Amino acid sequence: MAQSYETVLNTVSQLQNQELSIIRLSEPIAAPNAPDAPKRTSDVSADALENPSPASLAADLGHYKELFSKLRFSYLEQVTKEKFLRAIVGDPPQIVEHQENLELEAQLVTVKADLKVQKADVAAMVEELEARGRELSHRYENVSLQTTQLAILPAEITSLHDALASLRARETKPHVNPSLSLPLPATLSLLASRQVELDAINEELEALERTSQAKQRELDGLHRELGPIEAEKAGMVREAKEARRRKEGDVTGFGNDLELRGRWYMAVETGLREMLGVDA
């Protein structure tokens, strides 16, 4: 696997080290027998040739279109002058009739129609080449990015192998809690059972909370009921004190009756507290 990776990386590196240029690729086709390619004589920057980019290629294309337009105009001008001079200085001089001009104009219409078709074909071919060039540019960028990722991939693989070895070594050590060394299915089963237990405990807590709220409401009601009893107790204590005071200064026996009534009220209060479960 390592040998295959190194082979692929070396092959990609060699391909990337080859400088790609449309002009340089066309030189063996344009001049297959020329030992040295001719140097460019246009005023386009040489840096665009050394480091091509879409902007520089577009600038080169516009420049060459302008040069070819000027060259075609100069060629037509020179050819027209040459034919005119030959027609004048020839012996005998060439005389063109009107009918010949009409025939030439008819031929010119046909030639222009063919030229228009050829121009349309060339324009379609140029568009196709531009689309193919953009596609190849994107593919080249993707290959460069993947090559960079491929170069750093061995270090990441080595790091992952080291981490895996560390985890395996840590796994061989006995755990204090055996639940930590369970496989994944057993861990999931244990987690599900713990979740069920947790849900049951939550339900019990909610039931206890509802019961506690009911007990609290009951206790509040008992406190409200105990209020009048406390007031009655206070009144009875005051009456008992008053009865005791009267008993000490009364010899008719009326104080004994009040004392008996006070004891009866105390017994009733004690009985009610025991029945309601309220402390004094």
C-alpha atoms as a PDB file:
ATOM      1  CA  MET A   1       0.000   0.000   0.000  1.00  0.00           C
ATOM      2  CA  ALA A   2       2.865   2.402   0.834  1.00  0.00           C
ATOM      3  CA  GLN A   3       4.604   1.588  -2.459  1.00  0.00           C
ATOM      4  CA  SER A   4       1.406   2.242  -4.406  1.00  0.00           C
ATOM      5  CA  TYR A   5       0.939   5.562  -2.608  1.00  0.00           C
ATOM      6  CA  GLU A   6       4.521   6.637  -3.329  1.00  0.00           C
ATOM      7  CA  THR A   7       4.142   5.649  -6.977  1.00  0.00           C
ATOM      8  CA  VAL A   8       0.960   7.656  -7.382  1.00  0.00           C
ATOM      9  CA  LEU A   9       2.443  10.688  -5.613  1.00  0.00           C
ATOM     10  CA  ASN A  10       5.619  10.611  -7.728  1.00  0.00           C
ATOM     11  CA  THR A  11       3.610  10.298 -10.939  1.00  0.00           C
ATOM     12  CA  VAL A  12       1.375  13.231 -10.027  1.00  0.00           C
ATOM     13  CA  SER A  13       4.386  15.317  -8.994  1.00  0.00           C
ATOM     14  CA  GLN A  14       6.122  14.649 -12.301  1.00  0.00           C
ATOM     15  CA  LEU A  15       3.005  15.630 -14.226  1.00  0.00           C
ATOM     16  CA  GLN A  16       2.643  18.818 -12.213  1.00  0.00           C
ATOM     17  CA  ASN A  17       6.284  19.755 -12.779  1.00  0.00           C
ATOM     18  CA  GLN A  18       5.655  19.797 -16.539  1.00  0.00           C
ATOM     19  CA  GLU A  19       4.766  23.363 -17.521  1.00  0.00           C
ATOM     20  CA  LEU A  20       1.574  23.436 -19.561  1.00  0.00           C
ATOM     21  CA  SER A  21       1.100  26.175 -22.170  1.00  0.00           C
ATOM     22  CA  ILE A  22      -1.056  26.189 -25.278  1.00  0.00           C
ATOM     23  CA  ILE A  23       1.571  28.147 -27.219  1.00  0.00           C
ATOM     24  CA  ARG A  24       4.373  25.781 -26.207  1.00  0.00           C
ATOM     25  CA  LEU A  25       2.221  22.742 -26.948  1.00  0.00           C
ATOM     26  CA  SER A  26       1.494  24.120 -30.430  1.00  0.00           C
ATOM     27  CA  GLU A  27       5.180  24.734 -31.304  1.00  0.00           C
ATOM     28  CA  PRO A  28       5.989  21.098 -32.263  1.00  0.00           C
ATOM     29  CA  ILE A  29       2.888  21.072 -34.503  1.00  0.00           C
ATOM     30  CA  ALA A  30       3.494  24.488 -36.075  1.00  0.00           C
ATOM     31  CA  ALA A  31       7.225  23.922 -36.679  1.00  0.00           C
ATOM     32  CA  PRO A  32       8.073  20.215 -36.296  1.00  0.00           C
ATOM     33  CA  ASN A  33      11.455  20.501 -38.009  1.00  0.00           C
ATOM     34  CA  ALA A  34      12.596  23.759 -36.397  1.00  0.00           C
ATOM     35  CA  PRO A  35      15.320  23.160 -33.782  1.00  0.00           C
ATOM     36  CA  ASP A  36      14.540  26.299 -31.850  1.00  0.00           C
ATOM     37  CA  ALA A  37      11.181  27.989 -31.594  1.00  0.00           C
ATOM     38  CA  PRO A  38      11.144  31.615 -32.756  1.00  0.00           C
ATOM     39  CA  LYS A  39      10.922  34.270 -30.123  1.00  0.00           C
ATOM     40  CA  ARG A  40       7.789  36.342 -29.753  1.00  0.00           C
ATOM     41  CA  THR A  41       8.001  39.761 -31.336  1.00  0.00           C
ATOM     42  CA  SER A  42       4.722  41.189 -30.072  1.00  0.00           C
ATOM     43  CA  ASP A  43       4.579  43.685 -27.241  1.00  0.00           C
ATOM     44  CA  VAL A  44       2.505  41.392 -25.004  1.00  0.00           C
ATOM     45  CA  SER A  45       4.127  40.868 -21.621  1.00  0.00           C
ATOM     46  CA  ALA A  46       6.353  37.789 -21.466  1.00  0.00           C
ATOM     47  CA  ASP A  47       5.226  37.145 -17.899  1.00  0.00           C
ATOM     48  CA  ALA A  48       1.796  36.129 -19.264  1.00  0.00           C
ATOM     49  CA  LEU A  49       3.556  33.339 -21.195  1.00  0.00           C
ATOM     50  CA  GLU A  50       5.604  32.191 -18.231  1.00  0.00           C
ATOM     51  CA  ASN A  51       2.695  32.362 -15.760  1.00  0.00           C
ATOM     52  CA  PRO A  52      -0.526  32.046 -17.774  1.00  0.00           C
ATOM     53  CA  SER A  53      -3.823  33.009 -16.223  1.00  0.00           C
ATOM     54  CA  PRO A  54      -7.342  33.538 -17.590  1.00  0.00           C
ATOM     55  CA  ALA A  55      -6.852  37.318 -17.604  1.00  0.00           C
ATOM     56  CA  SER A  56      -3.475  37.121 -19.372  1.00  0.00           C
ATOM     57  CA  LEU A  57      -4.795  34.641 -21.927  1.00  0.00           C
ATOM     58  CA  ALA A  58      -7.761  36.920 -22.635  1.00  0.00           C
ATOM     59  CA  ALA A  59      -5.361  39.855 -23.086  1.00  0.00           C
ATOM     60  CA  ASP A  60      -3.202  37.773 -25.468  1.00  0.00           C
ATOM     61  CA  LEU A  61      -6.254  36.765 -27.464  1.00  0.00           C
ATOM     62  CA  GLY A  62      -7.418  40.374 -27.856  1.00  0.00           C
ATOM     63  CA  HIS A  63      -3.910  41.454 -28.828  1.00  0.00           C
ATOM     64  CA  TYR A  64      -3.565  38.752 -31.480  1.00  0.00           C
ATOM     65  CA  LYS A  65      -7.014  39.522 -32.882  1.00  0.00           C
ATOM     66  CA  GLU A  66      -5.974  43.148 -33.313  1.00  0.00           C
ATOM     67  CA  LEU A  67      -2.687  42.102 -34.965  1.00  0.00           C
ATOM     68  CA  PHE A  68      -4.439  39.733 -37.378  1.00  0.00           C
ATOM     69  CA  SER A  69      -7.000  42.417 -38.240  1.00  0.00           C
ATOM     70  CA  LYS A  70      -4.195  44.876 -39.122  1.00  0.00           C
ATOM     71  CA  LEU A  71      -2.325  42.159 -41.017  1.00  0.00           C
ATOM     72  CA  ARG A  72      -5.409  41.290 -43.090  1.00  0.00           C
ATOM     73  CA  PHE A  73      -5.989  44.932 -43.944  1.00  0.00           C
ATOM     74  CA  SER A  74      -2.356  45.363 -44.981  1.00  0.00           C
ATOM     75  CA  TYR A  75      -2.448  42.168 -47.056  1.00  0.00           C
ATOM     76  CA  LEU A  76      -5.615  43.190 -48.909  1.00  0.00           C
ATOM     77  CA  GLU A  77      -4.175  46.647 -49.509  1.00  0.00           C
ATOM     78  CA  GLN A  78      -0.905  45.276 -50.912  1.00  0.00           C
ATOM     79  CA  VAL A  79      -2.637  42.672 -53.085  1.00  0.00           C
ATOM     80  CA  THR A  80      -5.050  45.277 -54.466  1.00  0.00           C
ATOM     81  CA  LYS A  81      -2.187  47.681 -55.290  1.00  0.00           C
ATOM     82  CA  GLU A  82      -0.180  44.895 -56.916  1.00  0.00           C
ATOM     83  CA  LYS A  83      -3.073  43.803 -59.126  1.00  0.00           C
ATOM     84  CA  PHE A  84      -3.844  47.407 -60.080  1.00  0.00           C
ATOM     85  CA  LEU A  85      -0.232  48.129 -61.021  1.00  0.00           C
ATOM     86  CA  ARG A  86       0.051  44.920 -63.032  1.00  0.00           C
ATOM     87  CA  ALA A  87      -3.135  45.771 -64.872  1.00  0.00           C
ATOM     88  CA  ILE A  88      -1.750  49.220 -65.754  1.00  0.00           C
ATOM     89  CA  VAL A  89       1.817  48.368 -66.689  1.00  0.00           C
ATOM     90  CA  GLY A  90       0.991  45.106 -68.399  1.00  0.00           C
ATOM     91  CA  ASP A  91       1.501  44.677 -72.111  1.00  0.00           C
ATOM     92  CA  PRO A  92      -1.138  44.709 -73.291  1.00  0.00           C
ATOM     93  CA  PRO A  93      -2.941  46.344 -70.350  1.00  0.00           C
ATOM     94  CA  GLN A  94      -5.720  44.304 -68.763  1.00  0.00           C
ATOM     95  CA  ILE A  95      -9.123  45.789 -69.367  1.00  0.00           C
ATOM     96  CA  VAL A  96     -11.971  44.534 -67.202  1.00  0.00           C
ATOM     97  CA  GLU A  97     -15.462  44.715 -68.589  1.00  0.00           C
ATOM     98  CA  HIS A  98     -18.591  45.458 -66.606  1.00  0.00           C
ATOM     99  CA  GLN A  99     -19.850  41.918 -67.098  1.00  0.00           C
ATOM    100  CA  GLU A 100     -16.715  40.498 -65.573  1.00  0.00           C
ATOM    101  CA  ASN A 101     -17.237  42.737 -62.533  1.00  0.00           C
ATOM    102  CA  LEU A 102     -20.776  41.385 -62.177  1.00  0.00           C
ATOM    103  CA  GLU A 103     -19.511  37.808 -62.356  1.00  0.00           C
ATOM    104  CA  LEU A 104     -16.820  38.556 -59.801  1.00  0.00           C
ATOM    105  CA  GLU A 105     -19.405  40.179 -57.504  1.00  0.00           C
ATOM    106  CA  ALA A 106     -21.611  37.064 -57.787  1.00  0.00           C
ATOM    107  CA  GLN A 107     -18.612  34.901 -56.903  1.00  0.00           C
ATOM    108  CA  LEU A 108     -17.833  37.280 -54.037  1.00  0.00           C
ATOM    109  CA  VAL A 109     -21.338  36.805 -52.610  1.00  0.00           C
ATOM    110  CA  THR A 110     -20.874  33.023 -52.661  1.00  0.00           C
ATOM    111  CA  VAL A 111     -17.412  33.278 -51.114  1.00  0.00           C
ATOM    112  CA  LYS A 112     -18.718  35.625 -48.396  1.00  0.00           C
ATOM    113  CA  ALA A 113     -21.535  33.192 -47.586  1.00  0.00           C
ATOM    114  CA  ASP A 114     -19.018  30.326 -47.292  1.00  0.00           C
ATOM    115  CA  LEU A 115     -16.762  32.536 -45.203  1.00  0.00           C
ATOM    116  CA  LYS A 116     -19.675  33.413 -42.892  1.00  0.00           C
ATOM    117  CA  VAL A 117     -20.417  29.717 -42.384  1.00  0.00           C
ATOM    118  CA  GLN A 118     -16.758  29.029 -41.670  1.00  0.00           C
ATOM    119  CA  LYS A 119     -16.672  31.944 -39.209  1.00  0.00           C
ATOM    120  CA  ALA A 120     -19.704  30.505 -37.413  1.00  0.00           C
ATOM    121  CA  ASP A 121     -17.973  27.125 -37.243  1.00  0.00           C
ATOM    122  CA  VAL A 122     -14.806  28.757 -35.916  1.00  0.00           C
ATOM    123  CA  ALA A 123     -16.819  30.732 -33.318  1.00  0.00           C
ATOM    124  CA  ALA A 124     -18.536  27.544 -32.162  1.00  0.00           C
ATOM    125  CA  MET A 125     -15.167  25.798 -32.000  1.00  0.00           C
ATOM    126  CA  VAL A 126     -13.722  28.700 -29.992  1.00  0.00           C
ATOM    127  CA  GLU A 127     -16.615  28.549 -27.536  1.00  0.00           C
ATOM    128  CA  GLU A 128     -16.153  24.805 -27.183  1.00  0.00           C
ATOM    129  CA  LEU A 129     -12.427  25.253 -26.627  1.00  0.00           C
ATOM    130  CA  GLU A 130     -13.071  27.961 -24.013  1.00  0.00           C
ATOM    131  CA  ALA A 131     -15.543  25.720 -22.186  1.00  0.00           C
ATOM    132  CA  ARG A 132     -13.084  22.828 -22.368  1.00  0.00           C
ATOM    133  CA  GLY A 133     -10.320  25.111 -21.103  1.00  0.00           C
ATOM    134  CA  ARG A 134     -12.394  26.220 -18.100  1.00  0.00           C
ATOM    135  CA  GLU A 135     -13.247  22.610 -17.356  1.00  0.00           C
ATOM    136  CA  LEU A 136      -9.605  21.591 -17.570  1.00  0.00           C
ATOM    137  CA  SER A 137      -8.627  24.529 -15.367  1.00  0.00           C
ATOM    138  CA  HIS A 138     -11.099  23.444 -12.674  1.00  0.00           C
ATOM    139  CA  ARG A 139      -9.921  19.864 -12.965  1.00  0.00           C
ATOM    140  CA  TYR A 140      -6.300  20.991 -12.670  1.00  0.00           C
ATOM    141  CA  GLU A 141      -7.128  22.964  -9.519  1.00  0.00           C
ATOM    142  CA  ASN A 142      -8.925  19.944  -8.054  1.00  0.00           C
ATOM    143  CA  VAL A 143      -5.967  17.697  -8.889  1.00  0.00           C
ATOM    144  CA  SER A 144      -3.582  20.176  -7.245  1.00  0.00           C
ATOM    145  CA  LEU A 145      -5.723  20.280  -4.109  1.00  0.00           C
ATOM    146  CA  GLN A 146      -6.008  16.496  -4.012  1.00  0.00           C
ATOM    147  CA  THR A 147      -2.253  16.199  -4.516  1.00  0.00           C
ATOM    148  CA  THR A 148      -1.665  18.464  -1.520  1.00  0.00           C
ATOM    149  CA  GLN A 149      -4.059  16.368   0.532  1.00  0.00           C
ATOM    150  CA  LEU A 150      -2.358  13.220  -0.696  1.00  0.00           C
ATOM    151  CA  ALA A 151       1.012  14.595   0.420  1.00  0.00           C
ATOM    152  CA  ILE A 152      -0.176  15.181   4.007  1.00  0.00           C
ATOM    153  CA  LEU A 153      -2.218  11.982   4.123  1.00  0.00           C
ATOM    154  CA  PRO A 154       0.650   9.668   5.289  1.00  0.00           C
ATOM    155  CA  ALA A 155       1.306  11.816   8.366  1.00  0.00           C
ATOM    156  CA  GLU A 156      -2.394  11.766   9.251  1.00  0.00           C
ATOM    157  CA  ILE A 157      -2.547   7.981   8.736  1.00  0.00           C
ATOM    158  CA  THR A 158       0.489   7.519  10.972  1.00  0.00           C
ATOM    159  CA  SER A 159      -1.092   9.728  13.635  1.00  0.00           C
ATOM    160  CA  LEU A 160      -4.328   7.746  13.454  1.00  0.00           C
ATOM    161  CA  HIS A 161      -2.416   4.462  13.752  1.00  0.00           C
ATOM    162  CA  ASP A 162      -0.613   5.788  16.825  1.00  0.00           C
ATOM    163  CA  ALA A 163      -3.890   6.923  18.389  1.00  0.00           C
ATOM    164  CA  LEU A 164      -5.462   3.532  17.634  1.00  0.00           C
ATOM    165  CA  ALA A 165      -2.505   1.704  19.192  1.00  0.00           C
ATOM    166  CA  SER A 166      -2.745   3.929  22.274  1.00  0.00           C
ATOM    167  CA  LEU A 167      -6.465   3.221  22.604  1.00  0.00           C
ATOM    168  CA  ARG A 168      -5.905  -0.512  22.208  1.00  0.00           C
ATOM    169  CA  ALA A 169      -3.149  -0.449  24.844  1.00  0.00           C
ATOM    170  CA  ARG A 170      -5.443   1.470  27.162  1.00  0.00           C
ATOM    171  CA  GLU A 171      -8.227  -1.028  26.471  1.00  0.00           C
ATOM    172  CA  THR A 172      -6.060  -3.960  27.605  1.00  0.00           C
ATOM    173  CA  LYS A 173      -5.672  -2.431  31.081  1.00  0.00           C
ATOM    174  CA  PRO A 174      -8.313  -3.667  33.587  1.00  0.00           C
ATOM    175  CA  HIS A 175     -10.945  -1.135  34.555  1.00  0.00           C
ATOM    176  CA  VAL A 176     -12.122  -0.582  38.088  1.00  0.00           C
ATOM    177  CA  ASN A 177     -15.685  -0.440  36.782  1.00  0.00           C
ATOM    178  CA  PRO A 178     -16.401  -3.466  34.515  1.00  0.00           C
ATOM    179  CA  SER A 179     -19.169  -1.512  32.797  1.00  0.00           C
ATOM    180  CA  LEU A 180     -16.531   0.691  31.131  1.00  0.00           C
ATOM    181  CA  SER A 181     -15.065  -2.266  29.217  1.00  0.00           C
ATOM    182  CA  LEU A 182     -18.326  -3.573  27.765  1.00  0.00           C
ATOM    183  CA  PRO A 183     -18.737  -3.852  23.988  1.00  0.00           C
ATOM    184  CA  LEU A 184     -21.058  -1.521  22.164  1.00  0.00           C
ATOM    185  CA  PRO A 185     -24.213  -3.746  22.121  1.00  0.00           C
ATOM    186  CA  ALA A 186     -23.901  -4.507  25.839  1.00  0.00           C
ATOM    187  CA  THR A 187     -23.246  -0.831  26.564  1.00  0.00           C
ATOM    188  CA  LEU A 188     -26.365   0.182  24.632  1.00  0.00           C
ATOM    189  CA  SER A 189     -28.427  -2.461  26.466  1.00  0.00           C
ATOM    190  CA  LEU A 190     -27.104  -1.271  29.829  1.00  0.00           C
ATOM    191  CA  LEU A 191     -27.830   2.326  28.881  1.00  0.00           C
ATOM    192  CA  ALA A 192     -31.411   1.399  27.936  1.00  0.00           C
ATOM    193  CA  SER A 193     -31.962  -0.386  31.264  1.00  0.00           C
ATOM    194  CA  ARG A 194     -30.511   2.559  33.182  1.00  0.00           C
ATOM    195  CA  GLN A 195     -32.792   4.885  31.256  1.00  0.00           C
ATOM    196  CA  VAL A 196     -35.817   2.756  32.195  1.00  0.00           C
ATOM    197  CA  GLU A 197     -34.779   2.862  35.855  1.00  0.00           C
ATOM    198  CA  LEU A 198     -34.276   6.610  35.648  1.00  0.00           C
ATOM    199  CA  ASP A 199     -37.751   7.053  34.142  1.00  0.00           C
ATOM    200  CA  ALA A 200     -39.254   4.943  36.964  1.00  0.00           C
ATOM    201  CA  ILE A 201     -37.443   7.023  39.587  1.00  0.00           C
ATOM    202  CA  ASN A 202     -38.650  10.225  37.938  1.00  0.00           C
ATOM    203  CA  GLU A 203     -42.220   8.935  38.030  1.00  0.00           C
ATOM    204  CA  GLU A 204     -41.858   8.058  41.725  1.00  0.00           C
ATOM    205  CA  LEU A 205     -40.463  11.508  42.428  1.00  0.00           C
ATOM    206  CA  GLU A 206     -43.391  13.130  40.617  1.00  0.00           C
ATOM    207  CA  ALA A 207     -45.860  10.959  42.609  1.00  0.00           C
ATOM    208  CA  LEU A 208     -44.116  11.855  45.882  1.00  0.00           C
ATOM    209  CA  GLU A 209     -44.194  15.513  44.928  1.00  0.00           C
ATOM    210  CA  ARG A 210     -47.940  15.321  44.272  1.00  0.00           C
ATOM    211  CA  THR A 211     -48.445  13.494  47.614  1.00  0.00           C
ATOM    212  CA  SER A 212     -46.310  16.093  49.378  1.00  0.00           C
ATOM    213  CA  GLN A 213     -48.413  18.882  47.905  1.00  0.00           C
ATOM    214  CA  ALA A 214     -51.599  17.137  49.104  1.00  0.00           C
ATOM    215  CA  LYS A 215     -50.125  16.664  52.610  1.00  0.00           C
ATOM    216  CA  GLN A 216     -49.082  20.298  52.653  1.00  0.00           C
ATOM    217  CA  ARG A 217     -52.627  21.383  51.775  1.00  0.00           C
ATOM    218  CA  GLU A 218     -53.976  19.090  54.491  1.00  0.00           C
ATOM    219  CA  LEU A 219     -51.493  20.517  57.004  1.00  0.00           C
ATOM    220  CA  ASP A 220     -52.507  24.053  56.045  1.00  0.00           C
ATOM    221  CA  GLY A 221     -56.145  23.118  56.685  1.00  0.00           C
ATOM    222  CA  LEU A 222     -55.260  21.683  60.088  1.00  0.00           C
ATOM    223  CA  HIS A 223     -53.394  24.862  60.941  1.00  0.00           C
ATOM    224  CA  ARG A 224     -56.466  26.873  59.995  1.00  0.00           C
ATOM    225  CA  GLU A 225     -58.644  24.626  62.161  1.00  0.00           C
ATOM    226  CA  LEU A 226     -56.152  24.869  65.002  1.00  0.00           C
ATOM    227  CA  GLY A 227     -56.405  28.652  65.086  1.00  0.00           C
ATOM    228  CA  PRO A 228     -59.814  28.830  66.750  1.00  0.00           C
ATOM    229  CA  ILE A 229     -58.801  26.061  69.150  1.00  0.00           C
ATOM    230  CA  GLU A 230     -55.706  28.041  70.141  1.00  0.00           C
ATOM    231  CA  ALA A 231     -57.893  31.070  70.709  1.00  0.00           C
ATOM    232  CA  GLU A 232     -60.295  28.983  72.767  1.00  0.00           C
ATOM    233  CA  LYS A 233     -57.382  27.585  74.746  1.00  0.00           C
ATOM    234  CA  ALA A 234     -56.134  31.060  75.519  1.00  0.00           C
ATOM    235  CA  GLY A 235     -59.584  32.012  76.718  1.00  0.00           C
ATOM    236  CA  MET A 236     -59.825  28.918  78.852  1.00  0.00           C
ATOM    237  CA  VAL A 237     -56.425  29.631  80.385  1.00  0.00           C
ATOM    238  CA  ARG A 238     -57.578  33.105  81.250  1.00  0.00           C
ATOM    239  CA  GLU A 239     -60.743  31.723  82.770  1.00  0.00           C
ATOM    240  CA  ALA A 240     -58.755  29.145  84.750  1.00  0.00           C
ATOM    241  CA  LYS A 241     -56.497  31.825  86.126  1.00  0.00           C
ATOM    242  CA  GLU A 242     -59.521  33.909  87.008  1.00  0.00           C
ATOM    243  CA  ALA A 243     -61.149  30.865  88.622  1.00  0.00           C
ATOM    244  CA  ARG A 244     -58.045  30.153  90.645  1.00  0.00           C
ATOM    245  CA  ARG A 245     -57.919  33.727  91.770  1.00  0.00           C
ATOM    246  CA  ARG A 246     -61.561  33.583  92.806  1.00  0.00           C
ATOM    247  CA  LYS A 247     -61.061  30.195  94.485  1.00  0.00           C
ATOM    248  CA  GLU A 248     -58.428  31.592  96.740  1.00  0.00           C
ATOM    249  CA  GLY A 249     -60.771  34.327  97.939  1.00  0.00           C
ATOM    250  CA  ASP A 250     -64.126  32.418  97.697  1.00  0.00           C
ATOM    251  CA  VAL A 251     -65.444  30.044 100.373  1.00  0.00           C
ATOM    252  CA  THR A 252     -68.852  29.326  98.804  1.00  0.00           C
ATOM    253  CA  GLY A 253     -67.565  26.495  96.556  1.00  0.00           C
ATOM    254  CA  PHE A 254     -68.084  28.323  93.232  1.00  0.00           C
ATOM    255  CA  GLY A 255     -64.335  28.147  92.526  1.00  0.00           C
ATOM    256  CA  ASN A 256     -64.358  24.361  92.652  1.00  0.00           C
ATOM    257  CA  ASP A 257     -66.940  24.320  89.886  1.00  0.00           C
ATOM    258  CA  LEU A 258     -64.753  26.490  87.668  1.00  0.00           C
ATOM    259  CA  GLU A 259     -61.761  24.277  88.345  1.00  0.00           C
ATOM    260  CA  LEU A 260     -63.708  21.224  87.223  1.00  0.00           C
ATOM    261  CA  ARG A 261     -64.785  23.015  84.066  1.00  0.00           C
ATOM    262  CA  GLY A 262     -61.175  23.982  83.348  1.00  0.00           C
ATOM    263  CA  ARG A 263     -59.983  20.403  83.726  1.00  0.00           C
ATOM    264  CA  TRP A 264     -62.746  19.241  81.412  1.00  0.00           C
ATOM    265  CA  TYR A 265     -61.715  21.772  78.766  1.00  0.00           C
ATOM    266  CA  MET A 266     -58.074  20.701  79.092  1.00  0.00           C
ATOM    267  CA  ALA A 267     -59.041  17.057  78.640  1.00  0.00           C
ATOM    268  CA  VAL A 268     -61.085  17.922  75.546  1.00  0.00           C
ATOM    269  CA  GLU A 269     -58.157  19.888  74.073  1.00  0.00           C
ATOM    270  CA  THR A 270     -55.759  17.020  74.717  1.00  0.00           C
ATOM    271  CA  GLY A 271     -58.121  14.574  73.078  1.00  0.00           C
ATOM    272  CA  LEU A 272     -58.506  16.769  69.981  1.00  0.00           C
ATOM    273  CA  ARG A 273     -54.726  17.183  69.638  1.00  0.00           C
ATOM    274  CA  GLU A 274     -54.243  13.430  69.802  1.00  0.00           C
ATOM    275  CA  MET A 275     -56.946  12.855  67.231  1.00  0.00           C
ATOM    276  CA  LEU A 276     -55.523  15.466  64.803  1.00  0.00           C
ATOM    277  CA  GLY A 277     -51.893  14.589  65.497  1.00  0.00           C
ATOM    278  CA  VAL A 278     -50.943  18.161  66.367  1.00  0.00           C
ATOM    279  CA  ASP A 279     -48.283  18.881  68.949  1.00  0.00           C
ATOM    280  CA  ALA A 280     -48.959  21.420  71.691  1.00  0.00           C
END
